[in-house]
Amino acid sequence: MLLPNEIKPEMSIFYYAALVLKEIRNNNYSDILKLFHSLKEQYDISLKVFSYCLDWLYLIEAVIVDEEGQISLCT
């Protein structure tokens, strides 16, 4: 669900994708698993939503994920 039917914007993929970008930018995570565990602890994000966020960020060319599972911001 990219945009939720209810009023809570914090339930949307857009909101969680912004948190993913913020976490990558602030903490320089390059490993997907470390990034996921950090977000799981802070925001209780599910693996499903996390993967949707990475898909969305990849589609809009905000992040690059290589074959080794390293993630980086596009410039």
C-alpha atoms as a PDB file:
ATOM      1  CA  MET A   1       0.000   0.000   0.000  1.00  0.00           C
ATOM      2  CA  LEU A   2       1.712   3.103  -1.210  1.00  0.00           C
ATOM      3  CA  LEU A   3      -1.031   5.394  -0.010  1.00  0.00           C
ATOM      4  CA  PRO A   4      -3.244   4.168   2.825  1.00  0.00           C
ATOM      5  CA  ASN A   5      -7.007   4.484   2.753  1.00  0.00           C
ATOM      6  CA  GLU A   6      -7.056   5.754   6.303  1.00  0.00           C
ATOM      7  CA  ILE A   7      -5.789   9.095   7.506  1.00  0.00           C
ATOM      8  CA  LYS A   8      -2.556   7.894   9.170  1.00  0.00           C
ATOM      9  CA  PRO A   9       0.316   8.825   6.838  1.00  0.00           C
ATOM     10  CA  GLU A  10       2.780   6.912   8.994  1.00  0.00           C
ATOM     11  CA  MET A  11       1.287   3.677   7.651  1.00  0.00           C
ATOM     12  CA  SER A  12       2.375   4.408   4.068  1.00  0.00           C
ATOM     13  CA  ILE A  13       5.352   3.147   2.102  1.00  0.00           C
ATOM     14  CA  PHE A  14       6.271   6.768   1.353  1.00  0.00           C
ATOM     15  CA  TYR A  15       6.648   7.519   5.055  1.00  0.00           C
ATOM     16  CA  TYR A  16       8.749   4.422   5.756  1.00  0.00           C
ATOM     17  CA  ALA A  17      10.853   5.058   2.639  1.00  0.00           C
ATOM     18  CA  ALA A  18      11.663   8.501   4.007  1.00  0.00           C
ATOM     19  CA  LEU A  19      12.771   6.862   7.268  1.00  0.00           C
ATOM     20  CA  VAL A  20      14.958   4.440   5.301  1.00  0.00           C
ATOM     21  CA  LEU A  21      16.600   7.325   3.436  1.00  0.00           C
ATOM     22  CA  LYS A  22      17.099   9.239   6.669  1.00  0.00           C
ATOM     23  CA  GLU A  23      18.717   6.219   8.321  1.00  0.00           C
ATOM     24  CA  ILE A  24      21.041   5.617   5.365  1.00  0.00           C
ATOM     25  CA  ARG A  25      22.048   9.278   5.229  1.00  0.00           C
ATOM     26  CA  ASN A  26      22.573   9.762   8.977  1.00  0.00           C
ATOM     27  CA  ASN A  27      24.312   6.485   9.820  1.00  0.00           C
ATOM     28  CA  ASN A  28      26.007   5.580   6.519  1.00  0.00           C
ATOM     29  CA  TYR A  29      24.632   2.032   6.479  1.00  0.00           C
ATOM     30  CA  SER A  30      25.758   0.073   3.472  1.00  0.00           C
ATOM     31  CA  ASP A  31      24.565  -3.407   4.462  1.00  0.00           C
ATOM     32  CA  ILE A  32      20.867  -4.157   3.957  1.00  0.00           C
ATOM     33  CA  LEU A  33      20.594  -6.439   6.988  1.00  0.00           C
ATOM     34  CA  LYS A  34      22.173  -3.917   9.366  1.00  0.00           C
ATOM     35  CA  LEU A  35      19.875  -1.247   7.986  1.00  0.00           C
ATOM     36  CA  PHE A  36      16.816  -3.455   8.456  1.00  0.00           C
ATOM     37  CA  HIS A  37      17.736  -4.365  12.042  1.00  0.00           C
ATOM     38  CA  SER A  38      18.276  -0.724  12.929  1.00  0.00           C
ATOM     39  CA  LEU A  39      14.907   0.285  11.472  1.00  0.00           C
ATOM     40  CA  LYS A  40      13.213  -2.702  13.122  1.00  0.00           C
ATOM     41  CA  GLU A  41      14.493  -1.609  16.537  1.00  0.00           C
ATOM     42  CA  GLN A  42      13.557   2.047  16.075  1.00  0.00           C
ATOM     43  CA  TYR A  43      10.285   1.904  14.136  1.00  0.00           C
ATOM     44  CA  ASP A  44       9.148  -1.740  14.296  1.00  0.00           C
ATOM     45  CA  ILE A  45       9.115  -1.982  10.502  1.00  0.00           C
ATOM     46  CA  SER A  46       8.277  -5.368   8.987  1.00  0.00           C
ATOM     47  CA  LEU A  47      10.496  -7.084   6.438  1.00  0.00           C
ATOM     48  CA  LYS A  48       7.703  -6.870   3.875  1.00  0.00           C
ATOM     49  CA  VAL A  49       7.333  -3.101   4.256  1.00  0.00           C
ATOM     50  CA  PHE A  50      11.125  -2.680   4.286  1.00  0.00           C
ATOM     51  CA  SER A  51      11.427  -4.547   0.990  1.00  0.00           C
ATOM     52  CA  TYR A  52       8.626  -2.444  -0.522  1.00  0.00           C
ATOM     53  CA  CYS A  53      10.500   0.672   0.567  1.00  0.00           C
ATOM     54  CA  LEU A  54      13.726  -0.508  -1.040  1.00  0.00           C
ATOM     55  CA  ASP A  55      11.820  -1.380  -4.228  1.00  0.00           C
ATOM     56  CA  TRP A  56      10.217   2.058  -4.306  1.00  0.00           C
ATOM     57  CA  LEU A  57      13.507   3.861  -3.624  1.00  0.00           C
ATOM     58  CA  TYR A  58      15.218   1.825  -6.344  1.00  0.00           C
ATOM     59  CA  LEU A  59      12.442   2.599  -8.856  1.00  0.00           C
ATOM     60  CA  ILE A  60      12.707   6.343  -8.257  1.00  0.00           C
ATOM     61  CA  GLU A  61      16.514   6.041  -8.459  1.00  0.00           C
ATOM     62  CA  ALA A  62      17.123   7.194  -4.894  1.00  0.00           C
ATOM     63  CA  VAL A  63      19.218   4.145  -3.906  1.00  0.00           C
ATOM     64  CA  ILE A  64      21.333   1.496  -5.580  1.00  0.00           C
ATOM     65  CA  VAL A  65      21.499  -2.071  -4.277  1.00  0.00           C
ATOM     66  CA  ASP A  66      24.250  -4.302  -5.660  1.00  0.00           C
ATOM     67  CA  GLU A  67      24.481  -8.095  -5.837  1.00  0.00           C
ATOM     68  CA  GLU A  68      26.372  -8.261  -2.544  1.00  0.00           C
ATOM     69  CA  GLY A  69      23.552  -6.567  -0.631  1.00  0.00           C
ATOM     70  CA  GLN A  70      25.305  -3.234  -0.290  1.00  0.00           C
ATOM     71  CA  ILE A  71      23.071  -0.187  -0.480  1.00  0.00           C
ATOM     72  CA  SER A  72      24.105   3.349  -1.395  1.00  0.00           C
ATOM     73  CA  LEU A  73      22.393   6.629  -2.153  1.00  0.00           C
ATOM     74  CA  CYS A  74      22.283   7.837  -5.731  1.00  0.00           C
ATOM     75  CA  THR A  75      23.843  11.220  -6.328  1.00  0.00           C
END
